[in-house]
Protein backbone atom coordinates (compact mmCIF):
# COMPACT_ATOMS: atom_id res chain seq x y z
CA MET A 1 -0.22 6.89 8.90
CA ALA A 2 -3.20 7.57 6.78
CA PHE A 3 -5.15 10.82 6.06
CA GLN A 4 -8.84 10.30 5.09
CA ARG A 5 -10.94 13.03 3.63
CA ASP A 6 -14.19 11.68 4.99
CA ASP A 7 -15.27 10.34 8.47
CA SER A 8 -15.78 6.87 7.23
CA GLY A 9 -12.32 5.98 7.31
CA ALA A 10 -12.21 4.59 3.65
CA PRO A 11 -12.16 6.12 0.11
CA GLU A 12 -15.31 6.38 -1.67
CA SER A 13 -14.14 3.89 -4.25
CA PHE A 14 -14.31 1.12 -1.68
CA ASP A 15 -18.02 1.22 -1.70
CA LEU A 16 -18.26 0.25 -5.42
CA ASP A 17 -19.25 -3.25 -6.19
CA SER A 18 -16.62 -5.71 -7.93
CA LEU A 19 -18.43 -5.51 -11.36
CA THR A 20 -18.09 -1.66 -11.53
CA VAL A 21 -14.47 -1.76 -10.36
CA SER A 22 -13.72 -4.33 -13.00
CA ASP A 23 -15.31 -2.20 -15.87
CA ARG A 24 -13.40 0.79 -14.82
CA LEU A 25 -10.14 -0.97 -14.69
CA ARG A 26 -10.77 -2.16 -18.30
CA LEU A 27 -10.60 1.56 -19.22
CA PHE A 28 -6.84 1.18 -19.00
CA ASN A 29 -6.73 -1.60 -21.54
CA PHE A 30 -5.08 0.70 -24.29
CA THR A 31 -1.95 0.97 -22.05
CA GLN A 32 -1.47 -2.72 -22.47
CA ARG A 33 -1.49 -2.82 -26.33
CA ASP A 34 1.45 -3.56 -28.45
CA ASP A 35 1.28 0.13 -29.78
CA ASP A 36 0.39 1.76 -26.60
CA VAL A 37 2.47 4.80 -27.20
CA ALA A 38 0.49 5.46 -30.51
CA TYR A 39 -2.71 5.16 -28.66
CA LEU A 40 -1.44 7.65 -26.09
CA TRP A 41 -0.51 10.23 -28.86
CA VAL A 42 -4.15 9.73 -30.31
CA LEU A 43 -5.60 10.75 -27.02
CA ARG A 44 -3.20 13.60 -26.72
CA ALA A 45 -4.39 14.75 -30.10
CA MET A 46 -7.93 14.62 -28.96
CA ASN A 47 -7.08 16.46 -25.78
CA VAL A 48 -5.66 19.20 -28.00
CA LEU A 49 -9.00 19.50 -29.87
CA ARG A 50 -10.88 19.43 -26.57
CA GLY A 51 -8.72 22.39 -25.49
CA VAL A 52 -10.26 24.43 -28.32
CA HIS A 53 -13.81 23.31 -27.38
CA GLN A 54 -13.99 20.84 -30.21
CA LEU A 55 -15.72 17.96 -28.31
CA GLN A 56 -16.71 15.70 -31.11
CA VAL A 57 -13.85 14.90 -33.74
CA HIS A 58 -13.60 13.04 -36.85
CA PRO A 59 -10.42 10.83 -37.74
CA ASP A 60 -9.39 13.68 -40.07
CA ASP A 61 -9.44 16.11 -37.32
CA VAL A 62 -7.42 13.78 -35.27
CA ALA A 63 -4.90 13.41 -38.15
CA ARG A 64 -4.38 17.11 -38.54
CA ALA A 65 -3.95 17.51 -34.63
CA LEU A 66 -1.25 14.73 -34.83
CA ASN A 67 0.38 16.48 -37.78
CA GLU A 68 0.49 19.76 -35.57
CA LEU A 69 1.98 17.86 -32.68
CA ALA A 70 4.55 16.38 -34.82
CA LEU A 71 5.98 19.84 -35.65
CA ALA A 72 6.87 20.37 -31.97
CA HIS A 73 7.65 16.67 -30.91
CA ASP A 74 9.77 14.25 -32.81
CA GLU A 75 8.17 11.16 -31.14
CA VAL A 76 4.79 11.58 -32.55
CA PRO A 77 3.95 8.77 -35.05
CA SER A 78 2.85 9.80 -38.51
CA ALA A 79 -0.81 9.96 -39.11
CA ALA A 80 -0.53 8.25 -42.52
CA ASP A 81 1.09 5.17 -40.77
CA LEU A 82 -1.86 4.70 -38.27
CA ASN A 83 -5.32 3.33 -38.96
CA LEU A 84 -7.05 6.16 -36.89
CA ARG A 85 -10.47 4.93 -37.54
CA ALA A 86 -9.61 1.32 -36.17
CA MET A 87 -7.84 2.87 -33.29
CA LEU A 88 -10.72 5.27 -32.25
CA ASP A 89 -13.23 2.27 -32.55
CA ASN A 90 -10.98 0.22 -30.26
CA LEU A 91 -11.04 3.11 -27.74
CA SER A 92 -14.86 3.28 -28.00
CA ALA A 93 -15.52 -0.50 -27.83
CA ASP A 94 -17.67 -1.93 -25.13
CA ASN A 95 -14.61 -3.44 -23.25
CA GLU A 96 -12.89 -0.01 -23.08
CA GLN A 97 -15.38 2.93 -23.55
CA VAL A 98 -12.67 5.60 -23.19
CA LEU A 99 -14.32 7.22 -26.18
CA TYR A 100 -18.06 7.68 -27.18
CA ARG A 101 -18.91 7.18 -30.92
CA VAL A 102 -21.86 8.59 -32.64
CA GLU A 103 -22.84 8.82 -36.31
CA ASP A 104 -22.84 12.46 -37.75
CA ALA A 105 -25.51 12.57 -40.33
CA ALA A 106 -24.69 16.22 -41.15
CA ARG A 107 -21.30 15.29 -42.66
CA CYS A 108 -23.21 13.35 -45.53
CA GLY A 109 -23.24 15.85 -48.39
CA ASN A 110 -23.84 13.29 -51.17
CA LEU A 111 -24.96 9.63 -51.49
CA ALA A 112 -21.37 8.23 -51.34
CA ALA A 113 -20.63 10.06 -48.15
CA TYR A 114 -23.91 8.77 -46.77
CA ARG A 115 -23.06 5.16 -47.74
CA ASN A 116 -19.69 5.49 -45.91
CA ARG A 117 -19.59 5.48 -42.17
CA GLN A 118 -19.24 9.27 -40.87
CA SER A 119 -18.56 8.62 -37.13
CA VAL A 120 -17.46 11.20 -34.73
CA TYR A 121 -15.73 10.59 -31.27
CA GLN A 122 -15.50 12.34 -28.00
CA PHE A 123 -14.19 11.61 -24.48
CA THR A 124 -16.39 9.96 -22.08
CA GLU A 125 -16.32 11.73 -18.53
CA ILE A 126 -14.49 8.53 -17.03
CA GLY A 127 -12.39 8.03 -20.17
CA TYR A 128 -11.04 11.55 -19.76
CA ARG A 129 -10.06 10.97 -16.33
CA VAL A 130 -8.27 7.71 -17.25
CA TYR A 131 -6.34 9.73 -19.85
CA ARG A 132 -5.32 12.42 -17.29
CA ALA A 133 -4.48 9.68 -14.63
CA VAL A 134 -2.00 8.12 -17.20
CA GLU A 135 -0.54 11.53 -18.19
CA GLU A 136 -0.07 12.42 -14.51
CA VAL A 137 1.70 8.93 -13.91
CA ILE A 138 4.02 9.49 -16.88
CA GLY A 139 4.73 13.20 -16.16
CA SER A 140 5.32 12.77 -12.43
CA ARG A 141 8.66 13.87 -11.12
CA VAL A 142 10.40 13.14 -7.89
CA GLN A 143 11.51 16.73 -7.60
CA ASP A 144 7.91 17.89 -7.21
CA ALA A 145 7.52 16.28 -3.75
CA ASN A 146 7.31 19.00 -0.98
CA LEU A 147 5.57 19.91 2.20
CA SER A 148 3.93 23.36 1.99
CA ARG A 149 4.57 25.30 5.22
CA LEU A 150 3.17 28.77 3.88
CA VAL A 151 -0.33 27.39 3.54
CA PHE A 152 -1.06 27.39 7.24
CA ALA A 153 -1.56 31.35 7.27
CA ASP A 154 -3.94 31.05 4.47
CA ILE A 155 -5.93 28.28 6.25
CA LEU A 156 -6.16 30.27 9.47
CA ALA A 157 -7.37 33.37 7.48
CA ASP A 158 -9.92 31.29 5.64
CA PHE A 159 -11.35 29.61 8.89
CA ARG A 160 -11.83 33.19 10.47
CA ALA A 161 -13.40 34.63 7.21
CA LEU A 162 -15.74 31.53 7.13
CA ALA A 163 -16.89 32.35 10.70
CA ALA A 164 -17.49 36.04 9.76
CA ALA A 165 -19.35 34.99 6.66
CA ASN A 166 -21.58 32.63 8.65
CA ARG A 167 -22.32 35.33 11.34
CA ASP A 168 -23.08 37.85 8.41
CA GLY A 169 -25.29 35.35 6.64
CA ASP A 170 -23.22 35.54 3.42
CA ARG A 171 -24.01 32.29 1.65
CA ASP A 172 -21.72 32.72 -1.35
CA GLY A 173 -18.91 33.61 1.12
CA VAL A 174 -19.60 30.48 3.22
CA TYR A 175 -19.56 28.27 0.11
CA ARG A 176 -16.34 29.79 -1.36
CA LYS A 177 -14.41 29.64 1.92
CA LEU A 178 -15.56 26.05 2.88
CA ALA A 179 -14.68 24.71 -0.64
CA ARG A 180 -11.35 26.43 -0.62
CA LEU A 181 -10.51 24.92 2.78
CA ASP A 182 -11.56 21.38 1.60
CA ASN A 183 -9.36 21.68 -1.37
CA VAL A 184 -6.51 23.04 0.38
CA LEU A 185 -6.37 20.42 3.09
CA GLU A 186 -6.85 17.55 0.52
CA ASP A 187 -3.87 19.04 -1.35
CA MET A 188 -1.93 19.00 1.82
CA THR A 189 -2.71 15.28 2.40
CA GLN A 190 -1.81 14.38 -1.10
CA ARG A 191 1.57 16.35 -0.75
CA ALA A 192 2.39 14.72 2.50
CA ALA A 193 1.71 11.10 1.12
CA ARG A 194 3.85 11.88 -1.97
CA PHE A 195 6.71 13.40 -0.02
CA TYR A 196 6.97 10.26 2.23
CA LEU A 197 6.91 7.98 -0.55
CA THR A 198 9.65 9.98 -2.23
CA LEU A 199 11.63 9.75 0.95
CA ASN A 200 11.30 5.89 0.92
CA ASP A 201 12.57 5.87 -2.76
CA VAL A 202 15.52 8.00 -1.68
CA ALA A 203 16.31 5.52 1.11
CA ARG A 204 16.22 2.61 -1.32
CA THR A 205 18.41 4.16 -3.91
CA THR A 206 21.04 5.87 -1.79
CA ASP A 207 23.25 2.85 -1.87
CA ILE A 208 23.47 3.19 -5.59
CA SER A 209 23.80 7.10 -5.86
CA PRO A 210 24.96 8.43 -2.55
CA GLU A 211 26.28 11.60 -4.14
CA THR A 212 22.66 12.73 -4.85
CA PHE A 213 21.64 12.31 -1.30
CA LEU A 214 24.60 14.02 0.11
CA ARG A 215 24.01 16.91 -2.25
CA TYR A 216 20.64 17.66 -1.04
CA LYS A 217 20.66 16.44 2.53
CA HIS A 218 20.83 19.86 4.29
CA THR A 219 18.02 21.31 2.14
CA LEU A 220 15.83 18.17 2.84
CA LEU A 221 16.35 18.40 6.61
CA ALA A 222 15.81 22.04 6.56
CA HIS A 223 12.62 21.78 4.61
CA MET A 224 11.20 19.09 7.06
CA SER A 225 12.27 21.19 10.08
CA GLU A 226 10.62 24.34 8.90
CA PHE A 227 7.42 22.66 8.13
CA THR A 228 7.16 20.87 11.46
CA ALA A 229 8.00 24.07 13.32
CA GLU A 230 5.54 26.00 11.38
CA LEU A 231 2.89 23.32 11.96
CA GLU A 232 3.52 23.39 15.76
CA ARG A 233 3.13 27.16 15.71
CA TYR A 234 -0.09 27.38 13.91
CA ALA A 235 -1.86 24.27 15.45
CA PRO A 236 -3.26 26.02 18.58
CA ARG A 237 -4.48 28.96 16.60
CA LEU A 238 -6.08 26.70 13.92
CA ALA A 239 -7.90 24.84 16.65
CA GLU A 240 -9.15 28.07 18.15
CA ALA A 241 -10.41 29.34 14.58
CA VAL A 242 -12.36 25.94 14.27
CA HIS A 243 -14.07 26.55 17.72
CA GLU A 244 -14.88 30.00 16.33
CA VAL A 245 -16.56 28.65 13.36
CA GLU A 246 -18.47 25.96 15.35
CA ASP A 247 -19.65 28.83 17.56
CA SER A 248 -21.11 30.62 14.63
CA GLY A 249 -23.44 27.58 13.96
CA VAL A 250 -22.26 24.53 12.10
CA GLU A 251 -25.74 23.36 10.78
CA THR A 252 -26.56 26.82 9.52
CA LEU A 253 -23.23 26.90 7.89
CA LEU A 254 -23.70 23.58 6.08
CA GLU A 255 -27.21 24.33 5.06
CA ARG A 256 -26.05 27.60 3.47
CA ALA A 257 -23.26 25.96 1.64
CA ALA A 258 -25.52 23.13 0.35
CA ALA A 259 -28.01 25.76 -0.97
CA VAL A 260 -25.37 27.54 -2.91
CA ASP A 261 -23.86 24.24 -4.21
CA GLU A 262 -24.38 24.17 -7.97
CA ARG A 263 -24.21 20.44 -8.63
CA PRO A 264 -27.60 19.86 -10.39
CA MET A 265 -27.40 15.96 -10.34
CA MET A 266 -27.35 15.69 -6.69
CA ARG A 267 -30.46 16.09 -4.50
CA PRO A 268 -30.49 18.86 -1.83
CA ALA A 269 -30.35 16.24 1.03
CA ALA A 270 -27.41 14.50 -0.65
CA ARG A 271 -25.45 17.89 -1.06
CA LEU A 272 -26.14 18.62 2.69
CA GLU A 273 -24.72 15.26 3.71
CA ASP A 274 -21.75 15.81 1.43
CA TRP A 275 -20.90 19.19 2.88
CA ARG A 276 -21.29 17.63 6.54
CA ARG A 277 -18.82 14.77 5.71
CA ARG A 278 -16.36 17.42 4.40
CA TRP A 279 -16.64 19.53 7.47
CA ILE A 280 -16.10 16.58 9.73
CA GLY A 281 -13.00 15.83 7.72
CA LEU A 282 -11.89 19.52 8.18
CA ARG A 283 -12.55 19.42 11.98
CA GLN A 284 -10.45 16.29 12.33
CA TRP A 285 -7.42 17.96 11.07
CA PHE A 286 -7.23 20.35 14.10
CA LEU A 287 -9.73 19.07 16.73
CA THR A 288 -10.12 15.46 18.17
CA GLU A 289 -12.72 13.71 20.15
CA GLY A 290 -11.59 11.48 23.07
CA ALA A 291 -7.93 10.40 23.46
CA GLY A 292 -7.10 10.18 19.67
CA GLU A 293 -4.70 12.64 17.85
CA THR A 294 -5.54 15.07 15.37
CA LYS A 295 -4.42 14.66 11.69
CA ALA A 296 -2.21 17.70 12.08
CA ALA A 297 -0.57 15.95 15.15
CA GLN A 298 -0.21 12.67 13.19
CA LEU A 299 1.50 14.64 10.26
CA GLN A 300 3.83 16.48 12.73
CA GLY A 301 4.91 13.04 14.17
CA ALA A 302 5.49 11.43 10.81
CA THR A 303 7.51 14.44 9.89
CA ARG A 304 9.71 14.14 13.01
CA THR A 305 10.11 10.31 12.25
CA ALA A 306 11.08 11.11 8.78
CA ILE A 307 13.76 13.61 10.02
CA SER A 308 15.22 10.87 12.27
CA GLY A 309 15.31 8.41 9.34
CA VAL A 310 17.13 10.88 7.12
CA ILE A 311 19.67 11.64 9.87
CA ALA A 312 20.13 7.76 10.33
CA LEU A 313 20.44 7.35 6.57
CA LEU A 314 23.08 10.19 6.44
CA ARG A 315 25.17 8.60 9.21
CA GLN A 316 24.97 5.20 7.28
CA VAL A 317 25.98 6.73 4.00
CA THR A 318 28.74 8.88 5.62
CA GLU A 319 30.21 5.81 7.35
CA SER A 320 30.01 3.61 4.25
CA ARG A 321 31.91 6.33 2.19
CA ARG A 322 34.39 6.89 4.99
CA GLY A 323 35.21 3.19 5.10
CA GLY A 324 35.40 2.90 1.32
CA VAL A 325 33.20 -0.15 1.05
CA SER A 326 29.69 0.08 -0.41
CA ARG A 327 27.66 -1.66 -3.14
CA THR A 328 29.18 0.58 -5.66
CA THR A 329 32.76 -0.04 -4.77
CA GLN A 330 32.02 -3.80 -4.64
CA LEU A 331 30.68 -3.95 -8.07
CA ARG A 332 33.56 -1.87 -9.38
CA HIS A 333 36.22 -4.28 -7.78
CA LEU A 334 34.25 -7.24 -9.17
CA ALA A 335 34.28 -5.70 -12.67
CA ALA A 336 38.06 -5.16 -12.38
CA TRP A 337 38.63 -8.66 -11.30
CA ALA A 338 36.65 -9.96 -14.21
CA ALA A 339 38.41 -7.68 -16.54
CA GLY A 340 41.80 -8.84 -15.35
CA ALA A 341 40.91 -12.53 -15.52
CA PRO A 342 43.34 -14.73 -17.47
CA GLY A 343 40.66 -16.03 -19.86
CA GLU A 344 36.96 -15.79 -20.56
CA GLN A 345 36.31 -18.98 -18.90
CA ALA A 346 37.90 -17.70 -15.78
CA ALA A 347 35.86 -14.51 -15.94
CA ASN A 348 32.48 -16.45 -16.49
CA ALA A 349 33.35 -18.68 -13.55
CA LEU A 350 34.10 -15.59 -11.29
CA VAL A 351 30.89 -13.83 -12.18
CA SER A 352 28.78 -17.05 -11.84
CA ALA A 353 30.30 -17.58 -8.38
CA ALA A 354 29.70 -13.92 -7.26
CA PHE A 355 26.08 -13.89 -8.55
CA ASP A 356 25.27 -17.64 -7.76
CA LEU A 357 24.48 -18.32 -11.57
CA ARG A 358 23.67 -21.82 -12.54
CA SER A 359 22.80 -23.65 -15.68
CA VAL A 360 19.36 -24.13 -16.31
CA ARG A 361 17.82 -27.70 -16.29
CA HIS A 362 15.14 -27.86 -18.78
CA LEU A 363 14.82 -31.71 -18.72
CA SER A 364 15.55 -33.81 -15.58
CA GLY A 365 14.81 -37.23 -14.09
CA ALA A 366 15.45 -39.54 -11.10
CA HIS A 367 17.79 -42.58 -11.29
CA ASP A 368 16.10 -46.00 -10.43
CA ASP A 369 18.72 -46.62 -7.67
CA ASP A 370 19.89 -43.29 -6.05
CA ASP A 371 22.14 -45.06 -3.58
CA GLN A 372 24.40 -46.15 -6.21
CA ILE A 373 25.21 -42.39 -7.17
CA SER A 374 27.14 -40.26 -4.84
CA PRO A 375 25.44 -36.91 -4.02
CA ARG A 376 28.91 -35.34 -4.88
CA THR A 377 28.96 -36.49 -8.38
CA THR A 378 28.52 -33.73 -10.90
CA TRP A 379 25.71 -33.66 -13.48
CA TRP A 380 28.08 -34.29 -16.20
CA ASP A 381 29.73 -37.44 -14.55
CA ALA A 382 26.54 -39.01 -13.34
CA PRO A 383 25.14 -41.83 -15.36
CA GLY A 384 22.04 -41.04 -17.51
CA VAL A 385 18.59 -41.86 -16.92
CA GLU A 386 15.76 -43.23 -19.07
CA VAL A 387 13.39 -40.45 -20.30
CA SER A 388 9.90 -41.13 -21.70
CA ILE A 389 9.14 -40.39 -25.35
CA SER A 390 6.40 -37.98 -24.54
CA LEU A 391 8.63 -36.03 -22.13
CA PHE A 392 11.49 -35.84 -24.65
CA ARG A 393 9.26 -34.85 -27.67
CA HIS A 394 6.51 -32.94 -26.21
CA GLY A 395 7.74 -31.76 -22.80
CA LYS A 396 4.81 -33.67 -21.05
CA ARG A 397 5.35 -36.32 -18.56
CA PRO A 398 3.58 -39.64 -19.04
CA ALA A 399 0.20 -39.98 -17.24
CA PRO A 400 0.48 -41.78 -13.90
CA GLY A 401 -2.23 -44.14 -14.81
CA GLY A 402 -5.54 -44.75 -12.94
CA PRO A 403 -5.77 -43.75 -9.47
CA GLN A 404 -5.11 -46.38 -6.69
CA PRO A 405 -7.68 -47.27 -4.19
CA VAL A 406 -7.45 -45.20 -0.93
CA ARG A 407 -6.31 -46.94 2.06
CA THR A 408 -7.86 -45.79 5.27
CA SER A 409 -6.84 -46.57 8.76
CA ARG A 410 -9.98 -45.80 10.64
CA GLY A 411 -8.90 -47.54 13.76
CA ALA A 412 -5.63 -45.62 13.93
CA HIS A 413 -7.45 -42.39 13.48
CA ALA A 414 -9.95 -43.16 16.12
CA ARG A 415 -7.22 -43.97 18.58
CA LEU A 416 -5.46 -40.67 17.66
CA ARG A 417 -8.64 -38.81 18.18
CA GLN A 418 -9.16 -40.34 21.62
CA LYS A 419 -5.66 -39.49 22.61
CA GLN A 420 -5.97 -35.84 21.48
CA LEU A 421 -9.31 -35.57 23.49
CA ALA A 422 -7.58 -37.01 26.52
CA ASP A 423 -4.66 -34.49 26.27
CA ARG A 424 -7.06 -31.67 25.82
CA ALA A 425 -9.14 -32.67 28.84
CA ALA A 426 -5.91 -33.02 30.94
CA ASP A 427 -4.70 -29.56 29.76
CA ARG A 428 -7.98 -28.00 30.68
CA GLU A 429 -7.97 -29.58 34.04
CA ALA A 430 -4.57 -28.50 34.69
CA ALA A 431 -5.45 -24.89 33.55
CA THR A 432 -8.58 -24.97 36.07
CA ASP A 433 -6.16 -25.96 38.84
CA LEU A 434 -3.93 -23.12 37.96
CA LEU A 435 -6.71 -20.66 38.25
CA ASP A 436 -7.84 -21.98 41.50
CA HIS A 437 -4.46 -22.46 43.33
CA GLY A 438 -2.11 -20.03 41.33
CA THR A 439 1.40 -20.72 40.28
CA HIS A 440 3.58 -19.24 43.04
CA GLY A 441 3.96 -20.77 46.63
CA ARG A 442 3.46 -24.46 45.63
CA VAL A 443 5.05 -27.28 43.60
CA LEU A 444 3.40 -27.58 40.23
CA ASN A 445 2.75 -31.16 38.90
CA ALA A 446 3.75 -32.31 35.28
CA ALA A 447 0.40 -31.29 33.69
CA GLU A 448 0.38 -27.75 35.36
CA THR A 449 3.93 -27.38 34.48
CA ARG A 450 3.27 -28.29 30.79
CA ALA A 451 0.24 -25.89 30.77
CA VAL A 452 2.45 -22.95 32.16
CA LEU A 453 5.29 -23.60 29.65
CA LYS A 454 2.94 -23.55 26.72
CA LEU A 455 1.38 -20.19 27.77
CA LEU A 456 4.87 -18.81 28.62
CA THR A 457 5.94 -19.81 25.18
CA ARG A 458 3.07 -17.87 23.57
CA ALA A 459 3.64 -14.84 25.94
CA LEU A 460 7.39 -14.71 24.87
CA GLN A 461 6.43 -14.94 21.23
CA ALA A 462 3.96 -11.95 21.58
CA ARG A 463 6.28 -9.96 23.72
CA THR A 464 6.60 -6.12 23.43
CA ILE A 465 10.16 -4.77 23.45
CA VAL A 466 10.86 -1.12 24.07
CA ALA A 467 14.34 0.39 24.07
CA GLY A 468 15.75 -3.10 24.08
CA ARG A 469 13.89 -4.18 27.04
CA LEU A 470 10.89 -6.62 27.44
CA ARG A 471 7.87 -4.65 28.77
CA SER A 472 5.14 -7.21 28.55
CA GLY A 473 3.80 -10.37 27.17
CA THR A 474 0.53 -12.33 27.07
CA GLY A 475 -0.35 -15.85 26.43
CA SER A 476 -3.92 -17.26 26.25
CA SER A 477 -5.78 -20.35 26.10
CA ASP A 478 -9.58 -21.16 26.03
CA VAL A 479 -9.46 -21.39 29.91
CA LEU A 480 -6.91 -18.79 31.25
CA THR A 481 -4.61 -15.94 30.24
CA LEU A 482 -1.14 -15.68 31.55
CA ARG A 483 0.66 -12.33 31.52
CA LEU A 484 4.29 -11.42 32.32
CA VAL A 485 4.36 -8.54 34.76
CA PRO A 486 7.72 -6.68 35.15
CA SER A 487 9.07 -7.03 38.80
CA GLU A 488 12.44 -6.18 40.17
CA ARG A 489 12.59 -9.14 42.43
CA GLY A 490 11.60 -11.60 39.88
CA SER A 491 9.93 -14.91 40.66
CA GLN A 492 10.43 -18.66 40.84
CA LEU A 493 8.26 -21.60 39.67
CA ARG A 494 8.73 -24.86 41.67
CA THR A 495 7.90 -27.97 39.68
CA GLU A 496 8.31 -31.73 40.25
CA THR A 497 11.45 -31.80 38.11
CA GLY A 498 13.03 -28.47 39.24
CA THR A 499 12.91 -24.84 39.75
CA LEU A 500 12.02 -22.33 36.91
CA HIS A 501 13.67 -18.80 37.50
CA LEU A 502 11.99 -15.72 35.90
CA PRO A 503 14.36 -12.90 36.68
CA GLY A 504 12.47 -9.50 36.28
CA PHE A 505 9.12 -10.95 35.97
CA THR A 506 6.14 -12.47 37.81
CA LEU A 507 3.35 -14.31 36.35
CA GLU A 508 -0.29 -13.06 36.55
CA ILE A 509 -3.08 -15.66 35.82
CA LYS A 510 -6.69 -14.65 34.96
CA PRO A 511 -9.58 -16.53 33.56
CA HIS A 512 -10.17 -15.98 29.80
CA GLY A 513 -13.16 -15.07 27.76
CA ALA A 514 -16.22 -17.28 28.49
CA ILE A 515 -14.67 -18.76 31.65
CA ARG A 516 -14.46 -15.18 33.14
CA ARG A 517 -18.16 -14.49 32.23
CA ARG A 518 -19.20 -17.87 33.55
CA ARG A 519 -17.50 -17.27 36.86
CA THR A 520 -18.91 -13.60 37.16
CA GLU A 521 -22.45 -14.73 36.50
CA THR A 522 -22.24 -17.65 39.00
CA PRO A 523 -24.17 -16.70 42.14
């Protein structure tokens, strides 16, 4: 299940070209350096200076900020041990551009200072977002995942206030309420995605630490149940509030929000289109067009599915603990057996058999006559093979020599091609006969039987199983489509070699694709 903010169905980053995406991914290069932690602390020091509105900083300013951070954190590297100027230059290089470097002539008080480079550095806009993204990943915690059920009352109040502000002509109020609704629903989408990812992590790690899951199972189930109950209670009232906003005039509302929008680098038409896209995203949360589901209904369904999954996981963990056999107990028993082994060789053999450990073969070769050596002979007892000098000294196999001339069998290929064309023509003729005369009530010849069995195999491979029962299945060729239709009486296919029984199903045959259109257009 996916929740998108706009009506296009894809994030805005999908529209960027490959060169732009590659350039922005290179902004994360500092995380791949050998001293990546030191680079992170340098950026943290620059962020501290940015917090006191010192945007352009000198390496000496960064050193002082690092010394202040070292007073509160033991992991901060010493500024004296770092080449801050080189690190800042790397972050401002063309291949990274996390920082922007300028020369500050105001720092040159004498000729010696003028001759020395006086560079100052500041975050680029995208570079600062890269730093914040890294900090968010490092500081993320599983315990923060949650579904906010208290936000629905605020959303309902904001929708009603938005409709009232639009009717009163309050442009500032329209802008504030619409922006707040957009931010709240986007936060709800992110919370839901993070929560379900956390549930998947819990499901994967339960076998290792079931005590943690059993400790919080009741709280987790209560949290999801309260959220889905609150969403079900507010969903009709929120849909009514959206209708109320639309009755007040959506176009007027969007024009007022775009007029108050204070983004100077966007043209008025672009701002209006952006707010229209946001309103469509808001509307899709609680209203739908056609037979689709609202995003609120999708979120509610996903929560119910997650509750079922947690209950099933709880049953699995409880049964495994009741029986006393789990991965944890198995590893503990294996460790006890290895510790109680009579010798080190026996312990190594036990662990190797348990984990299927084998010795690494860095160098190998084939014997000239494999038939003389039994496949049961161990590697130690088998006779040696000759190894080339280049493979032994340099690890490279000898060159195979010049390429041999390619031997072609055009006559055999032509005969195979003719046979394939003849078989295909026979299959098409048999399929046409099946369309004209059907499958039931007559005896199928060998070609027709072969065509029906091929399509039946495809239908069974593409079958749909619901509640352990086969519901439907379809197999198609370029001539006809065969469909399995459930039937209590079942059906039989009589062929030249016997009778094929289909209990619970009948076969339905229809023309496929261009054949159907061709038959429809024929007068």
